Amino acid sequence: MENCDTVPTPMVEQAKLKLDLGEKPVDHTDYRSMIESLMYVTLSRPDIMFATCMCARCQANPNEHHVTAIKRIFRYLKGTINLGLWYLKDSGFDLT
């Protein structure tokens, strides 16, 4: 992933992640690990929340198509590394 090309969006427009495309299944552990990493990143990058949650729906039976979708999110993050939320401790932010 270090030498990959970047993409302008975290998901392909109108992408549909079907549960069974007849493709080669992948290891559940690796897939869930990638999802967990992305969920952690969503704390400061809410722009990937929708795409990450769409991929998380397929954790029970992931295949190569789903891994490709997750890799696209990582490629998007690589191209937008300077974006994010910055939480200051003395910003006067009030929750109501």
PDB file of N, CA and C in Angstrom:
ATOM      1  N   MET A   1       0.811  -1.195   0.000  1.00  0.00           N
ATOM      2  CA  MET A   1       0.000   0.000   0.000  1.00  0.00           C
ATOM      3  C   MET A   1       0.861   1.269   0.000  1.00  0.00           C
ATOM      4  N   GLU A   2       2.137   1.155   0.298  1.00  0.00           N
ATOM      5  CA  GLU A   2       2.989   2.339   0.339  1.00  0.00           C
ATOM      6  C   GLU A   2       3.165   2.969  -1.035  1.00  0.00           C
ATOM      7  N   ASN A   3       3.189   2.178  -2.086  1.00  0.00           N
ATOM      8  CA  ASN A   3       3.425   2.687  -3.433  1.00  0.00           C
ATOM      9  C   ASN A   3       2.157   2.759  -4.270  1.00  0.00           C
ATOM     10  N   CYS A   4       1.004   2.727  -3.646  1.00  0.00           N
ATOM     11  CA  CYS A   4      -0.250   2.708  -4.398  1.00  0.00           C
ATOM     12  C   CYS A   4      -0.624   4.109  -4.872  1.00  0.00           C
ATOM     13  N   ASP A   5      -1.452   4.158  -5.895  1.00  0.00           N
ATOM     14  CA  ASP A   5      -1.990   5.420  -6.381  1.00  0.00           C
ATOM     15  C   ASP A   5      -3.110   5.869  -5.456  1.00  0.00           C
ATOM     16  N   THR A   6      -3.288   7.178  -5.344  1.00  0.00           N
ATOM     17  CA  THR A   6      -4.360   7.699  -4.507  1.00  0.00           C
ATOM     18  C   THR A   6      -5.643   7.811  -5.329  1.00  0.00           C
ATOM     19  N   VAL A   7      -6.765   7.908  -4.638  1.00  0.00           N
ATOM     20  CA  VAL A   7      -8.070   8.061  -5.283  1.00  0.00           C
ATOM     21  C   VAL A   7      -8.772   9.264  -4.665  1.00  0.00           C
ATOM     22  N   PRO A   8      -9.673   9.928  -5.419  1.00  0.00           N
ATOM     23  CA  PRO A   8     -10.314  11.144  -4.906  1.00  0.00           C
ATOM     24  C   PRO A   8     -11.469  10.901  -3.937  1.00  0.00           C
ATOM     25  N   THR A   9     -12.024   9.691  -3.921  1.00  0.00           N
ATOM     26  CA  THR A   9     -13.160   9.394  -3.046  1.00  0.00           C
ATOM     27  C   THR A   9     -12.941   8.059  -2.342  1.00  0.00           C
ATOM     28  N   PRO A  10     -13.524   7.882  -1.149  1.00  0.00           N
ATOM     29  CA  PRO A  10     -13.333   6.620  -0.441  1.00  0.00           C
ATOM     30  C   PRO A  10     -14.108   5.443  -1.028  1.00  0.00           C
ATOM     31  N   MET A  11     -15.144   5.719  -1.819  1.00  0.00           N
ATOM     32  CA  MET A  11     -15.927   4.653  -2.454  1.00  0.00           C
ATOM     33  C   MET A  11     -16.224   5.018  -3.894  1.00  0.00           C
ATOM     34  N   VAL A  12     -16.429   4.003  -4.698  1.00  0.00           N
ATOM     35  CA  VAL A  12     -16.878   4.226  -6.062  1.00  0.00           C
ATOM     36  C   VAL A  12     -18.330   4.688  -5.991  1.00  0.00           C
ATOM     37  N   GLU A  13     -18.687   5.650  -6.823  1.00  0.00           N
ATOM     38  CA  GLU A  13     -20.054   6.161  -6.806  1.00  0.00           C
ATOM     39  C   GLU A  13     -21.055   5.050  -7.107  1.00  0.00           C
ATOM     40  N   GLN A  14     -22.088   4.959  -6.300  1.00  0.00           N
ATOM     41  CA  GLN A  14     -23.161   3.971  -6.410  1.00  0.00           C
ATOM     42  C   GLN A  14     -22.636   2.538  -6.344  1.00  0.00           C
ATOM     43  N   ALA A  15     -21.613   2.334  -5.540  1.00  0.00           N
ATOM     44  CA  ALA A  15     -21.058   0.986  -5.377  1.00  0.00           C
ATOM     45  C   ALA A  15     -22.004   0.131  -4.550  1.00  0.00           C
ATOM     46  N   LYS A  16     -22.106  -1.130  -4.908  1.00  0.00           N
ATOM     47  CA  LYS A  16     -22.929  -2.073  -4.160  1.00  0.00           C
ATOM     48  C   LYS A  16     -22.035  -3.218  -3.711  1.00  0.00           C
ATOM     49  N   LEU A  17     -21.964  -3.402  -2.409  1.00  0.00           N
ATOM     50  CA  LEU A  17     -21.181  -4.504  -1.858  1.00  0.00           C
ATOM     51  C   LEU A  17     -22.128  -5.655  -1.572  1.00  0.00           C
ATOM     52  N   LYS A  18     -22.177  -6.587  -2.475  1.00  0.00           N
ATOM     53  CA  LYS A  18     -23.061  -7.735  -2.307  1.00  0.00           C
ATOM     54  C   LYS A  18     -22.391  -8.765  -1.413  1.00  0.00           C
ATOM     55  N   LEU A  19     -23.210  -9.505  -0.699  1.00  0.00           N
ATOM     56  CA  LEU A  19     -22.664 -10.478   0.243  1.00  0.00           C
ATOM     57  C   LEU A  19     -22.009 -11.657  -0.447  1.00  0.00           C
ATOM     58  N   ASP A  20     -22.515 -12.067  -1.607  1.00  0.00           N
ATOM     59  CA  ASP A  20     -21.924 -13.228  -2.271  1.00  0.00           C
ATOM     60  C   ASP A  20     -21.850 -12.966  -3.765  1.00  0.00           C
ATOM     61  N   LEU A  21     -20.659 -12.743  -4.257  1.00  0.00           N
ATOM     62  CA  LEU A  21     -20.466 -12.526  -5.690  1.00  0.00           C
ATOM     63  C   LEU A  21     -19.848 -13.738  -6.365  1.00  0.00           C
ATOM     64  N   GLY A  22     -19.703 -14.815  -5.630  1.00  0.00           N
ATOM     65  CA  GLY A  22     -19.069 -15.999  -6.191  1.00  0.00           C
ATOM     66  C   GLY A  22     -17.570 -15.854  -6.325  1.00  0.00           C
ATOM     67  N   GLU A  23     -17.014 -14.871  -5.658  1.00  0.00           N
ATOM     68  CA  GLU A  23     -15.570 -14.658  -5.717  1.00  0.00           C
ATOM     69  C   GLU A  23     -14.872 -15.431  -4.608  1.00  0.00           C
ATOM     70  N   LYS A  24     -13.563 -15.431  -4.674  1.00  0.00           N
ATOM     71  CA  LYS A  24     -12.738 -16.150  -3.706  1.00  0.00           C
ATOM     72  C   LYS A  24     -12.908 -15.536  -2.312  1.00  0.00           C
ATOM     73  N   PRO A  25     -13.267 -16.360  -1.320  1.00  0.00           N
ATOM     74  CA  PRO A  25     -13.381 -15.831   0.049  1.00  0.00           C
ATOM     75  C   PRO A  25     -12.003 -15.490   0.616  1.00  0.00           C
ATOM     76  N   VAL A  26     -11.981 -14.540   1.537  1.00  0.00           N
ATOM     77  CA  VAL A  26     -10.729 -14.123   2.167  1.00  0.00           C
ATOM     78  C   VAL A  26     -10.785 -14.427   3.661  1.00  0.00           C
ATOM     79  N   ASP A  27      -9.645 -14.313   4.309  1.00  0.00           N
ATOM     80  CA  ASP A  27      -9.536 -14.595   5.736  1.00  0.00           C
ATOM     81  C   ASP A  27     -10.337 -13.570   6.543  1.00  0.00           C
ATOM     82  N   HIS A  28     -11.235 -14.059   7.394  1.00  0.00           N
ATOM     83  CA  HIS A  28     -12.068 -13.184   8.214  1.00  0.00           C
ATOM     84  C   HIS A  28     -11.226 -12.329   9.159  1.00  0.00           C
ATOM     85  N   THR A  29     -10.167 -12.911   9.692  1.00  0.00           N
ATOM     86  CA  THR A  29      -9.341 -12.209  10.673  1.00  0.00           C
ATOM     87  C   THR A  29      -8.671 -10.986  10.059  1.00  0.00           C
ATOM     88  N   ASP A  30      -8.090 -11.140   8.892  1.00  0.00           N
ATOM     89  CA  ASP A  30      -7.443 -10.009   8.224  1.00  0.00           C
ATOM     90  C   ASP A  30      -8.461  -8.933   7.858  1.00  0.00           C
ATOM     91  N   TYR A  31      -9.608  -9.361   7.356  1.00  0.00           N
ATOM     92  CA  TYR A  31     -10.648  -8.413   6.955  1.00  0.00           C
ATOM     93  C   TYR A  31     -11.125  -7.609   8.163  1.00  0.00           C
ATOM     94  N   ARG A  32     -11.384  -8.290   9.261  1.00  0.00           N
ATOM     95  CA  ARG A  32     -11.856  -7.602  10.470  1.00  0.00           C
ATOM     96  C   ARG A  32     -10.785  -6.681  11.037  1.00  0.00           C
ATOM     97  N   SER A  33      -9.544  -7.060  10.906  1.00  0.00           N
ATOM     98  CA  SER A  33      -8.451  -6.213  11.366  1.00  0.00           C
ATOM     99  C   SER A  33      -8.405  -4.906  10.574  1.00  0.00           C
ATOM    100  N   MET A  34      -8.608  -4.988   9.271  1.00  0.00           N
ATOM    101  CA  MET A  34      -8.637  -3.779   8.449  1.00  0.00           C
ATOM    102  C   MET A  34      -9.821  -2.897   8.826  1.00  0.00           C
ATOM    103  N   ILE A  35     -10.983  -3.508   9.070  1.00  0.00           N
ATOM    104  CA  ILE A  35     -12.166  -2.753   9.484  1.00  0.00           C
ATOM    105  C   ILE A  35     -11.903  -2.054  10.818  1.00  0.00           C
ATOM    106  N   GLU A  36     -11.307  -2.768  11.773  1.00  0.00           N
ATOM    107  CA  GLU A  36     -11.002  -2.175  13.079  1.00  0.00           C
ATOM    108  C   GLU A  36     -10.070  -0.976  12.938  1.00  0.00           C
ATOM    109  N   SER A  37      -9.081  -1.085  12.077  1.00  0.00           N
ATOM    110  CA  SER A  37      -8.158   0.030  11.857  1.00  0.00           C
ATOM    111  C   SER A  37      -8.887   1.239  11.293  1.00  0.00           C
ATOM    112  N   LEU A  38      -9.768   0.995  10.342  1.00  0.00           N
ATOM    113  CA  LEU A  38     -10.519   2.098   9.749  1.00  0.00           C
ATOM    114  C   LEU A  38     -11.495   2.716  10.746  1.00  0.00           C
ATOM    115  N   MET A  39     -12.109   1.903  11.594  1.00  0.00           N
ATOM    116  CA  MET A  39     -13.030   2.441  12.599  1.00  0.00           C
ATOM    117  C   MET A  39     -12.281   3.361  13.569  1.00  0.00           C
ATOM    118  N   TYR A  40     -11.061   3.019  13.900  1.00  0.00           N
ATOM    119  CA  TYR A  40     -10.246   3.880  14.759  1.00  0.00           C
ATOM    120  C   TYR A  40      -9.959   5.212  14.064  1.00  0.00           C
ATOM    121  N   VAL A  41      -9.660   5.162  12.789  1.00  0.00           N
ATOM    122  CA  VAL A  41      -9.335   6.376  12.043  1.00  0.00           C
ATOM    123  C   VAL A  41     -10.558   7.286  11.913  1.00  0.00           C
ATOM    124  N   THR A  42     -11.759   6.721  11.918  1.00  0.00           N
ATOM    125  CA  THR A  42     -12.964   7.547  11.771  1.00  0.00           C
ATOM    126  C   THR A  42     -13.153   8.524  12.928  1.00  0.00           C
ATOM    127  N   LEU A  43     -12.443   8.340  14.034  1.00  0.00           N
ATOM    128  CA  LEU A  43     -12.537   9.301  15.134  1.00  0.00           C
ATOM    129  C   LEU A  43     -12.076  10.687  14.707  1.00  0.00           C
ATOM    130  N   SER A  44     -11.089  10.741  13.844  1.00  0.00           N
ATOM    131  CA  SER A  44     -10.608  12.034  13.362  1.00  0.00           C
ATOM    132  C   SER A  44     -10.891  12.252  11.879  1.00  0.00           C
ATOM    133  N   ARG A  45     -11.443  11.255  11.225  1.00  0.00           N
ATOM    134  CA  ARG A  45     -11.756  11.361   9.798  1.00  0.00           C
ATOM    135  C   ARG A  45     -13.189  10.889   9.527  1.00  0.00           C
ATOM    136  N   PRO A  46     -14.200  11.688   9.886  1.00  0.00           N
ATOM    137  CA  PRO A  46     -15.587  11.255   9.679  1.00  0.00           C
ATOM    138  C   PRO A  46     -15.967  11.111   8.206  1.00  0.00           C
ATOM    139  N   ASP A  47     -15.145  11.606   7.297  1.00  0.00           N
ATOM    140  CA  ASP A  47     -15.443  11.491   5.873  1.00  0.00           C
ATOM    141  C   ASP A  47     -15.379  10.053   5.365  1.00  0.00           C
ATOM    142  N   ILE A  48     -14.771   9.156   6.127  1.00  0.00           N
ATOM    143  CA  ILE A  48     -14.704   7.755   5.693  1.00  0.00           C
ATOM    144  C   ILE A  48     -15.694   6.867   6.438  1.00  0.00           C
ATOM    145  N   MET A  49     -16.523   7.470   7.286  1.00  0.00           N
ATOM    146  CA  MET A  49     -17.436   6.682   8.119  1.00  0.00           C
ATOM    147  C   MET A  49     -18.409   5.857   7.280  1.00  0.00           C
ATOM    148  N   PHE A  50     -19.040   6.448   6.285  1.00  0.00           N
ATOM    149  CA  PHE A  50     -20.027   5.716   5.485  1.00  0.00           C
ATOM    150  C   PHE A  50     -19.389   4.540   4.764  1.00  0.00           C
ATOM    151  N   ALA A  51     -18.277   4.791   4.099  1.00  0.00           N
ATOM    152  CA  ALA A  51     -17.611   3.726   3.345  1.00  0.00           C
ATOM    153  C   ALA A  51     -17.136   2.609   4.269  1.00  0.00           C
ATOM    154  N   THR A  52     -16.625   2.969   5.435  1.00  0.00           N
ATOM    155  CA  THR A  52     -16.161   1.969   6.393  1.00  0.00           C
ATOM    156  C   THR A  52     -17.315   1.118   6.905  1.00  0.00           C
ATOM    157  N   CYS A  53     -18.432   1.758   7.219  1.00  0.00           N
ATOM    158  CA  CYS A  53     -19.597   1.007   7.714  1.00  0.00           C
ATOM    159  C   CYS A  53     -20.187   0.106   6.633  1.00  0.00           C
ATOM    160  N   MET A  54     -20.141   0.532   5.388  1.00  0.00           N
ATOM    161  CA  MET A  54     -20.611  -0.331   4.295  1.00  0.00           C
ATOM    162  C   MET A  54     -19.743  -1.584   4.211  1.00  0.00           C
ATOM    163  N   CYS A  55     -18.455  -1.429   4.350  1.00  0.00           N
ATOM    164  CA  CYS A  55     -17.551  -2.584   4.308  1.00  0.00           C
ATOM    165  C   CYS A  55     -17.707  -3.457   5.546  1.00  0.00           C
ATOM    166  N   ALA A  56     -18.020  -2.840   6.677  1.00  0.00           N
ATOM    167  CA  ALA A  56     -18.171  -3.600   7.923  1.00  0.00           C
ATOM    168  C   ALA A  56     -19.383  -4.528   7.884  1.00  0.00           C
ATOM    169  N   ARG A  57     -20.341  -4.246   7.052  1.00  0.00           N
ATOM    170  CA  ARG A  57     -21.528  -5.100   6.931  1.00  0.00           C
ATOM    171  C   ARG A  57     -21.195  -6.489   6.400  1.00  0.00           C
ATOM    172  N   CYS A  58     -20.085  -6.628   5.741  1.00  0.00           N
ATOM    173  CA  CYS A  58     -19.729  -7.884   5.072  1.00  0.00           C
ATOM    174  C   CYS A  58     -18.696  -8.692   5.846  1.00  0.00           C
ATOM    175  N   GLN A  59     -18.585  -8.482   7.140  1.00  0.00           N
ATOM    176  CA  GLN A  59     -17.560  -9.168   7.929  1.00  0.00           C
ATOM    177  C   GLN A  59     -17.796 -10.665   8.056  1.00  0.00           C
ATOM    178  N   ALA A  60     -19.026 -11.097   7.943  1.00  0.00           N
ATOM    179  CA  ALA A  60     -19.326 -12.521   8.132  1.00  0.00           C
ATOM    180  C   ALA A  60     -18.821 -13.379   6.979  1.00  0.00           C
ATOM    181  N   ASN A  61     -18.849 -12.831   5.770  1.00  0.00           N
ATOM    182  CA  ASN A  61     -18.474 -13.618   4.596  1.00  0.00           C
ATOM    183  C   ASN A  61     -17.747 -12.733   3.575  1.00  0.00           C
ATOM    184  N   PRO A  62     -16.561 -12.208   3.901  1.00  0.00           N
ATOM    185  CA  PRO A  62     -15.877 -11.309   2.975  1.00  0.00           C
ATOM    186  C   PRO A  62     -15.238 -12.046   1.805  1.00  0.00           C
ATOM    187  N   ASN A  63     -15.154 -11.338   0.674  1.00  0.00           N
ATOM    188  CA  ASN A  63     -14.465 -11.892  -0.488  1.00  0.00           C
ATOM    189  C   ASN A  63     -13.536 -10.825  -1.076  1.00  0.00           C
ATOM    190  N   GLU A  64     -12.921 -11.134  -2.195  1.00  0.00           N
ATOM    191  CA  GLU A  64     -11.944 -10.229  -2.814  1.00  0.00           C
ATOM    192  C   GLU A  64     -12.548  -8.871  -3.173  1.00  0.00           C
ATOM    193  N   HIS A  65     -13.808  -8.861  -3.576  1.00  0.00           N
ATOM    194  CA  HIS A  65     -14.491  -7.608  -3.920  1.00  0.00           C
ATOM    195  C   HIS A  65     -14.539  -6.680  -2.701  1.00  0.00           C
ATOM    196  N   HIS A  66     -14.803  -7.238  -1.532  1.00  0.00           N
ATOM    197  CA  HIS A  66     -14.877  -6.445  -0.311  1.00  0.00           C
ATOM    198  C   HIS A  66     -13.498  -5.922   0.099  1.00  0.00           C
ATOM    199  N   VAL A  67     -12.475  -6.736  -0.068  1.00  0.00           N
ATOM    200  CA  VAL A  67     -11.111  -6.298   0.258  1.00  0.00           C
ATOM    201  C   VAL A  67     -10.692  -5.160  -0.671  1.00  0.00           C
ATOM    202  N   THR A  68     -11.084  -5.231  -1.920  1.00  0.00           N
ATOM    203  CA  THR A  68     -10.783  -4.156  -2.866  1.00  0.00           C
ATOM    204  C   THR A  68     -11.426  -2.850  -2.412  1.00  0.00           C
ATOM    205  N   ALA A  69     -12.652  -2.932  -1.895  1.00  0.00           N
ATOM    206  CA  ALA A  69     -13.335  -1.735  -1.396  1.00  0.00           C
ATOM    207  C   ALA A  69     -12.601  -1.148  -0.191  1.00  0.00           C
ATOM    208  N   ILE A  70     -12.118  -1.999   0.695  1.00  0.00           N
ATOM    209  CA  ILE A  70     -11.373  -1.517   1.866  1.00  0.00           C
ATOM    210  C   ILE A  70     -10.049  -0.894   1.438  1.00  0.00           C
ATOM    211  N   LYS A  71      -9.378  -1.513   0.490  1.00  0.00           N
ATOM    212  CA  LYS A  71      -8.106  -0.964   0.020  1.00  0.00           C
ATOM    213  C   LYS A  71      -8.308   0.402  -0.624  1.00  0.00           C
ATOM    214  N   ARG A  72      -9.450   0.611  -1.247  1.00  0.00           N
ATOM    215  CA  ARG A  72      -9.744   1.921  -1.832  1.00  0.00           C
ATOM    216  C   ARG A  72      -9.816   2.983  -0.738  1.00  0.00           C
ATOM    217  N   ILE A  73     -10.397   2.642   0.405  1.00  0.00           N
ATOM    218  CA  ILE A  73     -10.463   3.601   1.511  1.00  0.00           C
ATOM    219  C   ILE A  73      -9.053   3.948   1.981  1.00  0.00           C
ATOM    220  N   PHE A  74      -8.189   2.952   2.093  1.00  0.00           N
ATOM    221  CA  PHE A  74      -6.801   3.219   2.482  1.00  0.00           C
ATOM    222  C   PHE A  74      -6.088   4.079   1.437  1.00  0.00           C
ATOM    223  N   ARG A  75      -6.373   3.849   0.164  1.00  0.00           N
ATOM    224  CA  ARG A  75      -5.774   4.667  -0.893  1.00  0.00           C
ATOM    225  C   ARG A  75      -6.268   6.109  -0.799  1.00  0.00           C
ATOM    226  N   TYR A  76      -7.542   6.290  -0.457  1.00  0.00           N
ATOM    227  CA  TYR A  76      -8.097   7.631  -0.257  1.00  0.00           C
ATOM    228  C   TYR A  76      -7.400   8.321   0.919  1.00  0.00           C
ATOM    229  N   LEU A  77      -7.208   7.593   2.007  1.00  0.00           N
ATOM    230  CA  LEU A  77      -6.542   8.166   3.175  1.00  0.00           C
ATOM    231  C   LEU A  77      -5.111   8.586   2.854  1.00  0.00           C
ATOM    232  N   LYS A  78      -4.440   7.805   2.030  1.00  0.00           N
ATOM    233  CA  LYS A  78      -3.069   8.152   1.657  1.00  0.00           C
ATOM    234  C   LYS A  78      -3.030   9.481   0.905  1.00  0.00           C
ATOM    235  N   GLY A  79      -4.020   9.722   0.063  1.00  0.00           N
ATOM    236  CA  GLY A  79      -4.051  10.958  -0.715  1.00  0.00           C
ATOM    237  C   GLY A  79      -4.545  12.165   0.057  1.00  0.00           C
ATOM    238  N   THR A  80      -5.183  11.935   1.195  1.00  0.00           N
ATOM    239  CA  THR A  80      -5.726  13.041   1.990  1.00  0.00           C
ATOM    240  C   THR A  80      -5.150  13.005   3.403  1.00  0.00           C
ATOM    241  N   ILE A  81      -3.883  12.747   3.501  1.00  0.00           N
ATOM    242  CA  ILE A  81      -3.235  12.551   4.801  1.00  0.00           C
ATOM    243  C   ILE A  81      -3.267  13.805   5.664  1.00  0.00           C
ATOM    244  N   ASN A  82      -3.383  14.976   5.072  1.00  0.00           N
ATOM    245  CA  ASN A  82      -3.364  16.223   5.837  1.00  0.00           C
ATOM    246  C   ASN A  82      -4.748  16.671   6.293  1.00  0.00           C
ATOM    247  N   LEU A  83      -5.780  15.908   6.012  1.00  0.00           N
ATOM    248  CA  LEU A  83      -7.128  16.240   6.473  1.00  0.00           C
ATOM    249  C   LEU A  83      -7.396  15.579   7.814  1.00  0.00           C
ATOM    250  N   GLY A  84      -8.304  16.164   8.576  1.00  0.00           N
ATOM    251  CA  GLY A  84      -8.685  15.557   9.849  1.00  0.00           C
ATOM    252  C   GLY A  84      -9.275  16.583  10.791  1.00  0.00           C
ATOM    253  N   LEU A  85      -9.755  16.124  11.917  1.00  0.00           N
ATOM    254  CA  LEU A  85     -10.284  17.005  12.952  1.00  0.00           C
ATOM    255  C   LEU A  85      -9.221  17.214  14.016  1.00  0.00           C
ATOM    256  N   TRP A  86      -9.187  18.410  14.538  1.00  0.00           N
ATOM    257  CA  TRP A  86      -8.229  18.740  15.580  1.00  0.00           C
ATOM    258  C   TRP A  86      -9.030  19.168  16.801  1.00  0.00           C
ATOM    259  N   TYR A  87      -8.888  18.435  17.891  1.00  0.00           N
ATOM    260  CA  TYR A  87      -9.603  18.728  19.124  1.00  0.00           C
ATOM    261  C   TYR A  87      -8.652  19.421  20.101  1.00  0.00           C
ATOM    262  N   LEU A  88      -8.938  20.677  20.421  1.00  0.00           N
ATOM    263  CA  LEU A  88      -8.130  21.413  21.385  1.00  0.00           C
ATOM    264  C   LEU A  88      -8.753  21.292  22.770  1.00  0.00           C
ATOM    265  N   LYS A  89      -7.942  21.183  23.796  1.00  0.00           N
ATOM    266  CA  LYS A  89      -8.491  20.989  25.136  1.00  0.00           C
ATOM    267  C   LYS A  89      -9.097  22.266  25.705  1.00  0.00           C
ATOM    268  N   ASP A  90      -8.667  23.439  25.272  1.00  0.00           N
ATOM    269  CA  ASP A  90      -9.186  24.708  25.788  1.00  0.00           C
ATOM    270  C   ASP A  90      -9.966  25.475  24.725  1.00  0.00           C
ATOM    271  N   SER A  91     -10.727  24.790  23.906  1.00  0.00           N
ATOM    272  CA  SER A  91     -11.421  25.454  22.807  1.00  0.00           C
ATOM    273  C   SER A  91     -12.778  26.014  23.201  1.00  0.00           C
ATOM    274  N   GLY A  92     -13.270  25.724  24.402  1.00  0.00           N
ATOM    275  CA  GLY A  92     -14.575  26.219  24.804  1.00  0.00           C
ATOM    276  C   GLY A  92     -15.717  25.478  24.149  1.00  0.00           C
ATOM    277  N   PHE A  93     -15.483  24.270  23.737  1.00  0.00           N
ATOM    278  CA  PHE A  93     -16.493  23.453  23.062  1.00  0.00           C
ATOM    279  C   PHE A  93     -17.482  22.922  24.097  1.00  0.00           C
ATOM    280  N   ASP A  94     -18.760  23.233  23.940  1.00  0.00           N
ATOM    281  CA  ASP A  94     -19.789  22.794  24.879  1.00  0.00           C
ATOM    282  C   ASP A  94     -20.724  21.802  24.213  1.00  0.00           C
ATOM    283  N   LEU A  95     -20.967  20.709  24.881  1.00  0.00           N
ATOM    284  CA  LEU A  95     -21.958  19.745  24.421  1.00  0.00           C
ATOM    285  C   LEU A  95     -23.286  20.081  25.073  1.00  0.00           C
ATOM    286  N   THR A  96     -24.334  20.163  24.275  1.00  0.00           N
ATOM    287  CA  THR A  96     -25.662  20.453  24.839  1.00  0.00           C
ATOM    288  C   THR A  96     -26.647  19.417  24.417  1.00  0.00           C
TER     289      THR A  96
END
